[in-house]
Amino acid sequence: MVLSPKPLKEFDKSKINFSDGTRYLLNSRKNTAIKIPSTVIKLLLKLNANIFLADTLITALHLRSFGHDDLIIKNWHESSYRMYAFPNSEPNQRFLKFMSTVFKSTSHELTENEVDTLIYFFARVPHGYALPDNLIHCHYELRHTIL
């Protein structure tokens, strides 16, 4: 899949109405939020049916965020790859391969298009955003993963 480098829209957290039921990824350092599309929410709810799959998603996000030397790997639209598709860096390729391989081989609930939807969304999330605690039902030690 070729990904578009178009970044996700970031909102000022203080201007968001959280009572309307919309779910957001939050960046506490920048005090911003990114709306999670309803299609991604539906897929995350499917993943919650299996704690292994939820843990797999969190592990994949860890792989995207950290390289072998523990340097934070930023999202491609924050880097020098602005005019290109998702860069062919080792951390990004590990992220794509892990998400594709594990989800496609372990989940009979997710179609290939659904896996691609998850990969496409999370690949575009800038570094520093956290998943809401109550959105992914994973093991405690993985719950507070930072993208």
Protein backbone atom coordinates (compact mmCIF):
# COMPACT_ATOMS: atom_id res chain seq x y z
CA MET A 1 0.00 0.00 0.00
CA VAL A 2 1.31 3.46 -0.89
CA LEU A 3 0.50 5.94 1.83
CA SER A 4 -0.22 9.61 1.30
CA PRO A 5 1.97 11.97 3.32
CA LYS A 6 -1.05 14.14 4.17
CA PRO A 7 -0.87 14.69 7.96
CA LEU A 8 -3.79 14.21 10.30
CA LYS A 9 -5.48 17.35 11.63
CA GLU A 10 -4.44 18.28 15.17
CA PHE A 11 -6.90 20.18 17.38
CA ASP A 12 -6.34 22.32 20.47
CA LYS A 13 -7.50 20.06 23.29
CA SER A 14 -9.19 22.94 25.15
CA LYS A 15 -11.54 23.58 22.20
CA ILE A 16 -12.83 20.02 21.91
CA ASN A 17 -16.25 18.93 23.15
CA PHE A 18 -15.53 15.52 24.68
CA SER A 19 -19.19 15.02 25.62
CA ASP A 20 -20.28 14.31 22.02
CA GLY A 21 -18.84 10.78 22.16
CA THR A 22 -16.04 11.37 19.65
CA ARG A 23 -12.77 9.63 20.58
CA TYR A 24 -9.38 11.31 20.35
CA LEU A 25 -5.69 10.48 20.60
CA LEU A 26 -4.17 12.96 23.05
CA ASN A 27 -0.78 14.65 23.24
CA SER A 28 -0.38 16.05 26.76
CA ARG A 29 2.90 17.83 25.96
CA LYS A 30 1.43 19.83 23.08
CA ASN A 31 -2.10 19.95 24.58
CA THR A 32 -3.52 18.75 21.26
CA ALA A 33 -5.80 15.96 20.07
CA ILE A 34 -6.43 13.99 16.88
CA LYS A 35 -9.89 12.65 16.11
CA ILE A 36 -9.98 8.88 15.71
CA PRO A 37 -12.14 8.05 12.66
CA SER A 38 -15.22 5.94 13.32
CA THR A 39 -13.90 3.20 11.00
CA VAL A 40 -10.76 2.90 13.16
CA ILE A 41 -12.88 2.89 16.35
CA LYS A 42 -14.95 -0.01 14.98
CA LEU A 43 -11.79 -1.97 14.18
CA LEU A 44 -10.31 -1.27 17.63
CA LEU A 45 -13.51 -2.56 19.21
CA LYS A 46 -13.13 -5.73 17.14
CA LEU A 47 -9.58 -6.08 18.45
CA ASN A 48 -10.80 -5.76 22.03
CA ALA A 49 -12.58 -9.09 21.59
CA ASN A 50 -9.15 -10.70 21.76
CA ILE A 51 -6.58 -9.39 24.27
CA PHE A 52 -3.77 -10.94 22.23
CA LEU A 53 -4.72 -8.80 19.22
CA ALA A 54 -4.93 -5.68 21.40
CA ASP A 55 -1.47 -6.45 22.77
CA THR A 56 -0.27 -6.99 19.20
CA LEU A 57 -1.45 -3.53 18.17
CA ILE A 58 0.29 -1.91 21.13
CA THR A 59 3.50 -3.83 20.39
CA ALA A 60 3.36 -2.73 16.75
CA LEU A 61 3.04 0.89 17.88
CA HIS A 62 6.10 0.41 20.10
CA LEU A 63 8.02 -0.91 17.09
CA ARG A 64 7.05 2.18 15.13
CA SER A 65 8.10 4.55 17.90
CA PHE A 66 11.46 3.16 18.94
CA GLY A 67 14.49 1.98 16.98
CA HIS A 68 17.25 -0.40 18.01
CA ASP A 69 19.17 2.40 19.73
CA ASP A 70 16.08 3.71 21.55
CA LEU A 71 15.92 6.84 19.42
CA ILE A 72 12.37 7.99 18.89
CA ILE A 73 11.33 7.46 15.28
CA LYS A 74 9.05 10.31 14.33
CA ASN A 75 6.14 10.12 11.95
CA TRP A 76 7.19 10.59 8.35
CA HIS A 77 5.38 13.89 7.85
CA GLU A 78 7.49 15.37 10.68
CA SER A 79 10.69 14.36 8.91
CA SER A 80 12.42 15.21 5.66
CA TYR A 81 10.15 12.79 3.77
CA ARG A 82 7.34 15.31 3.39
CA MET A 83 6.98 14.90 -0.37
CA TYR A 84 7.34 11.12 -0.46
CA ALA A 85 5.27 8.14 0.53
CA PHE A 86 5.87 6.36 3.84
CA PRO A 87 9.71 6.19 4.01
CA ASN A 88 11.53 2.92 3.61
CA SER A 89 13.31 3.24 6.97
CA GLU A 90 13.93 0.15 9.09
CA PRO A 91 11.53 1.16 11.93
CA ASN A 92 8.75 2.01 9.49
CA GLN A 93 9.21 -1.23 7.60
CA ARG A 94 9.21 -3.20 10.87
CA PHE A 95 5.95 -1.48 11.80
CA LEU A 96 4.28 -2.27 8.47
CA LYS A 97 5.56 -5.85 8.37
CA PHE A 98 4.60 -6.56 11.98
CA MET A 99 1.10 -5.13 11.61
CA SER A 100 0.46 -6.88 8.31
CA THR A 101 1.96 -10.25 9.17
CA VAL A 102 0.62 -10.67 12.68
CA PHE A 103 -2.87 -9.32 12.13
CA LYS A 104 -3.38 -11.18 8.85
CA SER A 105 -2.13 -14.46 10.26
CA THR A 106 -3.81 -14.34 13.68
CA SER A 107 -7.07 -12.55 13.14
CA HIS A 108 -9.92 -14.07 11.26
CA GLU A 109 -12.05 -11.12 12.36
CA LEU A 110 -10.09 -8.52 10.35
CA THR A 111 -10.00 -8.40 6.56
CA GLU A 112 -6.96 -7.24 4.61
CA ASN A 113 -8.65 -3.88 3.99
CA GLU A 114 -9.34 -3.47 7.71
CA VAL A 115 -5.70 -4.20 8.56
CA ASP A 116 -4.65 -1.66 5.93
CA THR A 117 -7.03 0.91 7.47
CA LEU A 118 -5.40 0.48 10.89
CA ILE A 119 -1.88 0.66 9.44
CA TYR A 120 -2.71 3.74 7.38
CA PHE A 121 -4.20 5.62 10.34
CA PHE A 122 -1.52 4.80 12.91
CA ALA A 123 1.32 5.39 10.43
CA ARG A 124 0.10 8.99 10.08
CA VAL A 125 -0.15 9.76 13.80
CA PRO A 126 2.65 12.14 14.87
CA HIS A 127 4.92 11.13 17.72
CA GLY A 128 3.71 11.95 21.23
CA TYR A 129 0.06 10.88 21.01
CA ALA A 130 -1.36 8.36 23.46
CA LEU A 131 -4.26 5.98 23.03
CA PRO A 132 -7.12 6.63 25.46
CA ASP A 133 -6.82 4.21 28.39
CA ASN A 134 -10.29 2.79 27.91
CA LEU A 135 -10.02 2.26 24.14
CA ILE A 136 -7.66 -0.71 24.02
CA HIS A 137 -8.09 -3.58 26.46
CA CYS A 138 -4.52 -4.83 26.69
CA HIS A 139 -2.28 -6.08 29.45
CA TYR A 140 -1.52 -3.48 32.12
CA GLU A 141 2.19 -3.11 31.30
CA LEU A 142 1.32 -2.17 27.70
CA ARG A 143 -1.62 0.12 28.42
CA HIS A 144 0.22 3.46 28.50
CA THR A 145 2.01 3.13 25.18
CA ILE A 146 3.05 6.38 23.59
CA LEU A 147 3.02 6.56 19.81
